[in-house]
Protein backbone atom coordinates (compact mmCIF):
# COMPACT_ATOMS: atom_id res chain seq x y z
CA LEU A 1 2.75 -4.63 -9.63
CA ARG A 2 3.79 -1.23 -10.32
CA ALA A 3 2.26 0.01 -7.02
CA ALA A 4 4.08 -2.91 -5.23
CA VAL A 5 7.28 -1.82 -6.93
CA GLN A 6 6.77 1.81 -5.67
CA PHE A 7 5.95 0.78 -2.12
CA ALA A 8 9.09 -1.39 -2.10
CA PHE A 9 11.29 1.61 -3.45
CA TYR A 10 10.06 4.01 -0.85
CA GLU A 11 10.45 1.50 1.79
CA VAL A 12 14.16 1.27 0.94
CA LEU A 13 14.27 5.04 1.11
CA ARG A 14 12.64 5.01 4.57
CA ARG A 15 15.04 2.39 6.07
CA LYS A 16 18.08 4.30 4.58
CA ALA A 17 16.68 7.50 6.35
CA GLU A 18 16.32 5.54 9.52
CA ALA A 19 19.79 4.27 9.20
CA GLU A 20 21.07 7.94 8.89
CA LEU A 21 19.22 8.82 11.96
CA ALA A 22 20.61 5.89 13.94
CA ALA A 23 24.17 6.58 12.82
CA ASP A 24 23.84 10.39 13.93
CA THR A 25 22.55 9.05 17.33
CA GLN A 26 25.41 6.61 17.60
CA ARG A 27 28.07 9.49 16.61
CA LEU A 28 26.41 11.57 19.28
CA LEU A 29 26.55 9.20 22.04
CA GLU A 30 30.05 8.14 21.36
CA ASP A 31 31.12 11.77 21.39
CA ILE A 32 29.28 12.16 24.66
CA ARG A 33 30.87 9.08 26.09
CA ARG A 34 34.37 10.44 25.20
CA ARG A 35 33.70 13.51 26.95
CA ILE A 36 32.47 11.83 29.90
CA ALA A 37 35.49 9.47 29.94
CA VAL A 38 37.65 12.59 30.17
CA ARG A 39 35.71 13.99 33.07
CA VAL A 40 35.80 10.65 34.84
CA GLU A 41 39.55 10.50 34.43
CA VAL A 42 40.02 13.94 35.96
CA GLY A 43 37.58 13.34 38.74
CA GLU A 44 34.82 15.73 37.62
CA ALA A 45 32.14 13.00 37.08
CA PRO A 46 31.34 9.76 38.89
CA ARG A 47 32.29 6.42 37.06
CA LEU A 48 28.50 5.55 37.20
CA GLU A 49 28.00 8.37 34.34
CA LEU A 50 30.52 6.56 32.11
CA THR A 51 28.94 3.08 32.78
CA ARG A 52 25.62 4.46 31.46
CA ALA A 53 27.21 6.27 28.53
CA ASP A 54 28.91 2.97 27.60
CA ALA A 55 25.54 1.24 27.72
CA GLU A 56 23.81 3.89 25.68
CA ALA A 57 26.63 3.81 23.06
CA ARG A 58 26.46 0.04 22.82
CA SER A 59 22.59 0.31 22.41
CA ALA A 60 22.95 3.01 19.67
CA ALA A 61 25.34 0.74 17.85
CA ASN A 62 23.06 -2.20 17.95
CA ALA A 63 20.06 -0.03 16.75
CA SER A 64 22.29 1.22 13.92
CA ALA A 65 23.20 -2.39 12.67
CA SER A 66 19.56 -3.34 12.88
CA THR A 67 18.64 -0.52 10.69
CA ARG A 68 21.31 -1.49 7.96
CA LEU A 69 19.80 -5.12 8.30
CA ARG A 70 16.51 -3.61 7.38
CA ILE A 71 17.97 -1.74 4.44
CA THR A 72 19.13 -5.18 3.11
CA GLU A 73 15.78 -6.77 3.60
CA ALA A 74 13.95 -3.82 1.81
CA ARG A 75 16.46 -3.90 -1.06
CA ALA A 76 15.89 -7.66 -1.40
CA GLN A 77 12.13 -7.15 -1.72
CA LEU A 78 12.56 -4.50 -4.22
CA LEU A 79 14.95 -6.74 -6.39
CA ALA A 80 12.38 -9.64 -6.00
CA LEU A 81 9.61 -7.56 -7.57
CA ILE A 82 11.54 -6.11 -10.40
CA GLY A 83 13.50 -9.48 -11.12
CA LEU A 84 17.03 -8.29 -10.69
CA PRO A 85 19.76 -10.56 -8.95
CA VAL A 86 21.28 -9.28 -5.70
CA THR A 87 24.20 -7.68 -7.70
CA GLY A 88 21.97 -6.10 -10.22
CA LEU A 89 21.17 -2.82 -8.17
CA ARG A 90 23.89 -0.71 -7.10
CA ASP A 91 21.80 1.81 -5.19
CA VAL A 92 18.44 3.33 -4.56
CA THR A 93 18.20 7.07 -4.77
CA GLY A 94 15.22 9.48 -4.20
CA THR A 95 13.51 11.53 -1.52
CA LEU A 96 10.34 11.10 0.67
CA GLU A 97 9.28 14.61 -0.11
CA ALA A 98 5.57 15.26 -0.26
CA PRO A 99 3.81 13.90 -3.45
CA ALA A 100 1.73 16.14 -5.54
CA PRO A 101 -1.49 17.36 -4.01
CA LEU A 102 -4.58 15.18 -4.24
CA PRO A 103 -7.84 16.07 -6.05
CA PRO A 104 -11.08 16.30 -3.71
CA LEU A 105 -12.35 12.88 -2.47
CA ASP A 106 -15.48 13.14 -4.82
CA THR A 107 -13.18 13.50 -7.85
CA LEU A 108 -11.02 10.51 -6.77
CA ARG A 109 -14.19 8.51 -6.22
CA ALA A 110 -15.53 9.26 -9.59
CA GLU A 111 -12.31 8.36 -11.30
CA MET A 112 -12.10 5.16 -9.57
CA LEU A 113 -15.57 3.90 -10.32
CA GLU A 114 -15.02 4.79 -13.92
CA ARG A 115 -11.55 3.34 -14.47
CA TYR A 116 -10.72 0.67 -12.03
CA PRO A 117 -10.38 -2.58 -14.08
CA ALA A 118 -11.99 -4.91 -11.43
CA LEU A 119 -15.27 -2.72 -11.45
CA ALA A 120 -15.43 -2.84 -15.42
CA GLN A 121 -14.95 -6.71 -15.12
CA SER A 122 -17.84 -6.73 -12.67
CA ARG A 123 -20.12 -4.76 -15.00
CA ALA A 124 -19.09 -7.04 -17.83
CA GLU A 125 -20.01 -9.98 -15.86
CA ILE A 126 -23.32 -8.63 -14.97
CA GLU A 127 -24.16 -7.87 -18.45
CA ARG A 128 -23.12 -11.41 -19.55
CA ALA A 129 -25.34 -12.92 -16.76
CA ARG A 130 -28.29 -10.64 -17.87
CA ALA A 131 -27.67 -11.65 -21.50
CA ARG A 132 -27.79 -15.34 -20.58
CA LEU A 133 -31.05 -14.70 -18.51
CA GLU A 134 -32.54 -13.18 -21.67
CA THR A 135 -31.54 -16.06 -23.86
CA GLU A 136 -32.97 -18.61 -21.57
CA ARG A 137 -36.30 -16.76 -21.45
CA ALA A 138 -36.37 -16.42 -25.00
CA LEU A 139 -35.96 -20.26 -25.52
CA ARG A 140 -39.27 -20.81 -24.05
CA THR A 141 -40.95 -19.49 -27.32
CA PRO A 142 -41.46 -22.29 -29.77
CA GLN A 143 -38.53 -22.74 -32.16
CA PRO A 144 -39.84 -23.95 -35.47
CA THR A 145 -37.62 -26.66 -37.12
CA VAL A 146 -37.81 -27.22 -40.90
CA ARG A 147 -36.47 -30.66 -42.25
CA ALA A 148 -35.86 -31.52 -45.98
CA GLY A 149 -34.69 -34.76 -47.59
CA VAL A 150 -34.57 -37.07 -50.37
CA ASN A 151 -35.31 -40.85 -50.61
CA GLN A 152 -33.91 -42.58 -53.79
CA ASP A 153 -35.63 -45.85 -54.70
CA PRO A 154 -34.48 -47.85 -57.66
CA ASP A 155 -37.51 -46.69 -59.71
CA GLN A 156 -38.45 -43.41 -58.01
CA ARG A 157 -37.27 -40.55 -55.91
CA HIS A 158 -39.17 -39.05 -52.92
CA PHE A 159 -38.68 -35.63 -51.59
CA LEU A 160 -39.36 -34.97 -48.05
CA LEU A 161 -40.31 -31.78 -46.26
CA GLY A 162 -41.11 -31.40 -42.71
CA LEU A 163 -42.01 -28.74 -40.17
CA SER A 164 -41.89 -29.19 -36.37
CA ILE A 165 -43.04 -26.89 -33.70
CA PRO A 166 -42.37 -27.71 -30.21
CA ILE A 167 -45.13 -26.72 -27.75
CA PRO A 168 -43.59 -26.06 -24.31
CA VAL A 169 -46.38 -27.35 -22.35
CA TRP A 170 -44.47 -29.28 -19.54
CA ASN A 171 -40.90 -27.90 -20.46
CA GLN A 172 -41.02 -24.26 -19.27
CA ARG A 173 -37.22 -24.20 -18.79
CA GLN A 174 -37.74 -23.18 -15.17
CA GLY A 175 -34.47 -24.87 -14.34
CA PRO A 176 -32.17 -23.05 -16.77
CA ILE A 177 -34.13 -19.67 -16.20
CA GLY A 178 -33.68 -20.12 -12.50
CA GLU A 179 -30.11 -20.75 -12.90
CA ALA A 180 -29.49 -17.77 -14.97
CA VAL A 181 -31.53 -15.41 -12.38
CA ALA A 182 -29.32 -16.87 -9.69
CA GLN A 183 -26.06 -16.02 -11.72
CA LEU A 184 -27.33 -12.58 -12.44
CA GLN A 185 -27.93 -11.92 -8.69
CA GLN A 186 -24.67 -13.40 -7.84
CA ALA A 187 -22.69 -11.29 -10.36
CA THR A 188 -24.77 -8.13 -9.18
CA ALA A 189 -23.87 -8.88 -5.31
CA LEU A 190 -20.18 -9.55 -6.14
CA GLY A 191 -19.95 -6.35 -8.18
CA GLU A 192 -21.70 -4.35 -5.45
CA ALA A 193 -19.48 -5.88 -2.73
CA ARG A 194 -16.34 -5.00 -4.95
CA ARG A 195 -17.47 -1.65 -5.39
CA ILE A 196 -18.10 -1.07 -1.59
CA GLU A 197 -14.74 -2.52 -0.78
CA LEU A 198 -12.88 -0.30 -3.18
CA LEU A 199 -14.70 2.68 -2.04
CA THR A 200 -13.73 1.98 1.55
CA ALA A 201 -10.08 1.38 0.50
CA LEU A 202 -10.22 4.80 -1.14
CA GLU A 203 -11.61 6.45 1.75
CA GLY A 204 -9.20 4.80 4.21
CA ALA A 205 -6.13 5.72 2.06
CA TYR A 206 -7.45 9.40 1.63
CA SER A 207 -7.82 9.77 5.43
CA ARG A 208 -4.30 8.21 6.05
CA HIS A 209 -2.93 10.79 3.61
CA GLU A 210 -4.67 13.68 5.29
CA VAL A 211 -3.71 12.53 8.82
CA ALA A 212 -0.01 12.16 7.61
CA THR A 213 -0.02 15.56 5.92
CA GLN A 214 -1.23 17.20 9.19
CA GLN A 215 1.29 15.32 11.21
CA ILE A 216 4.04 16.65 8.88
CA GLN A 217 2.78 20.18 8.98
CA ALA A 218 3.06 19.85 12.84
CA PHE A 219 6.39 18.59 12.89
CA GLU A 220 7.68 21.09 10.25
CA GLY A 221 5.67 23.93 12.22
CA GLY A 222 7.66 23.64 15.37
CA LEU A 223 7.94 20.13 16.93
CA LEU A 224 11.13 19.19 15.21
CA ARG A 225 12.72 22.42 15.85
CA GLN A 226 11.69 22.47 19.55
CA ALA A 227 13.34 18.98 20.08
CA GLU A 228 16.53 20.13 18.43
CA ASP A 229 16.68 23.12 20.49
CA ALA A 230 16.17 21.25 23.66
CA LEU A 231 18.97 18.94 22.87
CA ARG A 232 21.43 21.85 22.38
CA VAL A 233 20.21 23.34 25.63
CA ALA A 234 20.87 20.07 27.48
CA GLU A 235 24.15 19.63 25.78
CA ALA A 236 25.24 23.25 26.66
CA ALA A 237 24.04 22.98 30.30
CA TYR A 238 25.96 19.59 30.65
CA ARG A 239 29.15 21.21 29.30
CA PHE A 240 28.75 23.91 31.91
CA GLY A 241 28.00 21.44 34.73
CA GLU A 242 24.50 22.83 35.15
CA ARG A 243 22.70 19.43 34.05
CA GLY A 244 23.60 15.76 34.33
CA PHE A 245 24.10 13.07 31.69
CA ILE A 246 20.61 11.81 32.01
CA ASP A 247 19.14 15.13 30.92
CA VAL A 248 21.19 14.94 27.76
CA LEU A 249 20.08 11.43 27.21
CA ASP A 250 16.41 12.34 27.73
CA ALA A 251 16.50 15.27 25.28
CA GLN A 252 18.35 12.96 22.60
CA ARG A 253 15.77 10.32 23.11
CA VAL A 254 12.99 12.95 22.55
CA LEU A 255 14.73 14.27 19.41
CA ARG A 256 15.39 10.83 17.92
CA ALA A 257 11.59 9.85 18.62
CA VAL A 258 10.34 12.91 17.05
CA ARG A 259 12.55 12.51 13.95
CA LEU A 260 11.42 8.84 13.63
CA ASP A 261 7.88 10.06 13.88
CA PHE A 262 8.37 12.69 11.18
CA LEU A 263 9.97 10.02 8.98
CA ALA A 264 7.06 7.69 9.65
CA ALA A 265 4.52 10.36 8.63
CA ARG A 266 6.35 11.16 5.43
CA ALA A 267 6.49 7.47 4.64
CA ALA A 268 2.86 6.97 5.41
CA GLN A 269 1.81 10.05 3.26
CA ARG A 270 3.74 8.58 0.47
CA ALA A 271 2.48 5.15 0.90
CA ALA A 272 -1.21 6.46 0.97
CA ALA A 273 -0.70 8.27 -2.28
CA ILE A 274 0.67 5.21 -4.00
CA GLU A 275 -2.41 3.43 -2.88
CA ILE A 276 -4.80 6.06 -4.21
CA GLU A 277 -2.90 6.25 -7.35
CA GLN A 278 -3.32 2.50 -7.85
CA LEU A 279 -7.00 2.92 -6.98
CA ARG A 280 -7.38 5.54 -9.70
CA ALA A 281 -5.91 3.20 -12.15
CA VAL A 282 -3.49 5.99 -13.26
CA GLY A 283 -1.41 5.25 -16.33
CA LEU A 284 -2.95 1.94 -17.39
CA GLU A 285 -3.29 3.16 -20.80
C-alpha cells in the first residue's frame, strides 16, 4: 500500500510537470500566432501561415486541457489510496529529482531473499508441510494405549487394567503419508516459483532504473540544451525572415518531445526505485 501511494504521488507530480510543459508550449504558439497575425496584416506573410498558426495554437490549447484532466485523474487515484475526500487534499508538492543511488544488484537480491514477507511465508509453509510429513510417518509406529477402569457390583469391586498395542500390518498410512508428501512438494514448488518471480521482478526493476538513469544523463549531457538552442535559432531566423514558420514549429515539436522524454525518464527512474524499495521490504519494521 505504501508503494502504491508513492506511485500515485509521483504520478501526480509527473502530470503536473506535463501540464507545465503544455502550458509553455501553448504560450509560445500563441505568441508566435500574434506575431504572424501582425505580419499578415502588413502583408509580410501569407495568410496560410496564420491559418497554420491558428491550428497549432488550438491543438496546443487542447493538449493543455488534456494534461489538466490527467492531473485530476491522478489526484483522484491518490486520494482513493490514502482515504481522503476530494476536498481533503489542497495540493501535491514535490520533485522528480533522482532518488538515492542503489546498492549493487547482488546486495539488493540478498536483502530481498532475506526480508521479503512472501518468501518468509513460503519458508514457513514448507516447514509446516515437512513437519506434517514427519508426523504422519511417525504414526506408523505402534502407539500403545493403556486403559484403566472400575466395575462396582453390589458386593464387590473390580479394578480393570488393559494395554493395547496396534500392529500396523494392513494400515501403513500410505494415504496420509502420500498426501503429506504431495503437500510438501507443492509448498516447495510454490516457494521456488515465488522466489523466481520476485528475482525476475527485481532484475527487471533494476534494469529499468539503469536505463532511465542513462537516458537522464544523455538528456542532461546535451540533448536538452541542443533542442533549446535549435528553437532559439529557428525563432531568431524567423524574426529576420531567414526561415519560415514551419521551421519554428518543427524546432518547437522537437523540444517538446525531448522535454517529455526527459520527464518520462525521470518518472521511470523514480517508479523503478519505488518498486525496488518495495521488493527490499524497506521500513516494514
